[in-house]
Protein backbone atom coordinates (compact mmCIF):
# COMPACT_ATOMS: atom_id res chain seq x y z
CA MET A 1 196.54 58.40 176.75
CA ILE A 2 199.58 60.66 176.86
CA ALA A 3 200.12 60.14 180.60
CA GLY A 4 199.99 56.36 180.15
CA GLY A 5 202.56 56.49 177.35
CA TYR A 6 204.79 58.72 179.45
CA ASN A 7 204.69 56.22 182.32
CA VAL A 8 205.63 53.37 180.00
CA TRP A 9 208.64 55.29 178.65
CA MET A 10 209.74 56.34 182.14
CA ASN A 11 209.53 52.72 183.30
CA ILE A 12 211.67 51.59 180.34
CA PHE A 13 214.16 54.41 181.01
CA LYS A 14 214.45 53.43 184.70
CA LYS A 15 215.04 49.76 183.84
CA TYR A 16 217.62 50.65 181.19
CA SER A 17 219.38 53.04 183.56
CA GLN A 18 219.49 50.31 186.19
CA TYR A 19 220.90 47.89 183.58
CA LEU A 20 223.74 50.33 182.77
CA ARG A 21 224.54 50.93 186.46
CA ASP A 22 224.76 47.19 187.14
CA ASN A 23 228.35 47.07 185.95
CA PRO A 24 230.62 45.34 188.49
CA GLU A 25 233.25 44.63 185.81
CA GLY A 26 233.63 48.36 185.11
CA TYR A 27 232.94 48.12 181.36
CA TRP A 28 233.04 51.42 179.50
CA PHE A 29 230.44 50.05 177.09
CA LYS A 30 227.65 47.57 177.79
CA ARG A 31 225.96 45.58 175.08
CA LYS A 32 222.77 47.07 173.70
CA LEU A 33 219.50 45.55 174.81
CA TYR A 34 218.07 45.68 171.30
CA GLY A 35 220.15 44.69 168.30
CA TRP A 36 223.93 44.27 168.17
CA GLY A 37 226.50 46.65 169.50
CA TRP A 38 227.27 48.74 172.56
CA THR A 39 226.08 51.74 174.50
CA PRO A 40 228.24 53.87 176.81
CA ALA A 41 227.93 52.78 180.44
CA ARG A 42 230.61 54.89 182.15
CA TRP A 43 231.95 58.40 181.70
CA GLN A 44 234.97 57.05 179.80
CA GLY A 45 232.65 55.51 177.21
CA TRP A 46 230.81 58.79 176.80
CA VAL A 47 234.11 60.65 176.31
CA VAL A 48 235.16 58.17 173.61
CA LEU A 49 231.80 58.59 171.86
CA VAL A 50 231.92 62.41 172.01
CA VAL A 51 235.49 62.45 170.64
CA TYR A 52 234.37 60.15 167.81
CA ILE A 53 231.41 62.41 166.94
CA ILE A 54 233.59 65.53 167.02
CA GLY A 55 236.15 63.81 164.78
CA VAL A 56 233.52 62.73 162.26
CA MET A 57 232.03 66.23 162.18
CA ALA A 58 235.46 67.85 161.80
CA PHE A 59 236.30 65.71 158.76
CA ALA A 60 232.78 66.05 157.32
CA PHE A 61 232.98 69.85 157.45
CA THR A 62 236.17 69.85 155.34
CA ILE A 63 234.12 68.78 152.33
CA ASP A 64 231.97 71.12 150.24
CA GLU A 65 230.27 71.00 146.86
CA ASN A 66 233.45 72.21 145.12
CA SER A 67 235.68 69.47 146.56
CA PRO A 68 237.17 67.14 143.95
CA SER A 69 236.47 63.43 144.43
CA ARG A 70 240.07 62.69 145.42
CA GLU A 71 239.86 65.28 148.21
CA VAL A 72 236.53 63.85 149.35
CA MET A 73 238.08 60.40 149.59
CA PHE A 74 241.24 61.37 151.49
CA THR A 75 239.93 64.16 153.73
CA GLY A 76 236.43 62.85 154.34
CA ILE A 77 235.61 59.22 153.74
CA LEU A 78 238.93 57.56 154.64
CA PRO A 79 239.40 59.39 157.98
CA ILE A 80 235.80 58.65 158.97
CA ILE A 81 236.31 54.95 158.18
CA LEU A 82 239.49 54.93 160.28
CA LEU A 83 237.74 56.72 163.17
CA THR A 84 234.92 54.16 163.03
CA ILE A 85 237.37 51.25 163.07
CA GLY A 86 239.07 52.84 166.08
CA LEU A 87 235.74 53.25 167.88
CA ILE A 88 234.81 49.61 167.27
CA ARG A 89 238.22 48.43 168.53
CA ILE A 90 237.85 50.47 171.72
CA CYS A 91 234.33 49.10 172.23
CA TYR A 92 235.60 45.52 171.82
CA LYS A 93 238.48 46.10 174.23
CA LYS A 94 236.62 48.07 176.91
CA GLY A 95 233.10 46.66 176.54
CA GLU A 96 231.08 43.53 177.03
CA LYS A 97 231.21 40.83 174.40
CA PRO A 98 228.59 41.88 171.82
CA ARG A 99 225.76 39.62 170.79
CA TRP A 100 222.40 39.96 169.14
CA GLN A 101 219.59 40.42 171.64
CA TRP A 102 216.12 41.77 171.61
CA GLY A 103 215.19 43.19 174.99
CA GLY A 104 215.35 41.61 178.36
CA PHE A 105 217.30 42.90 181.31
CA ASN A 106 218.67 39.58 182.50
CA LYS A 107 222.34 38.69 182.52
CA GLU A 108 223.83 35.85 180.52
């Protein structure tokens, strides 16, 4: 049972990896196969995502249980919202046009 499940997941991983490599336009982000949004397809996309995660963590760690609500808003929530807006703008500019999809490895 476990070996069969492993083979299924490896097959999905290989198909998904092939989908990401099939990128003649050079998009940094390709649209997700399930749901709406993007996934990094090139090293530049991964760098953008890592910088975003580091930024979110840096602002999140400035907040503790003794932080007043005003400080939480201006040193935590607001910067994270701005970072997220920036990430979405980069994904729109450097990625495929997003759309809702549920599986399938075929092109438009």
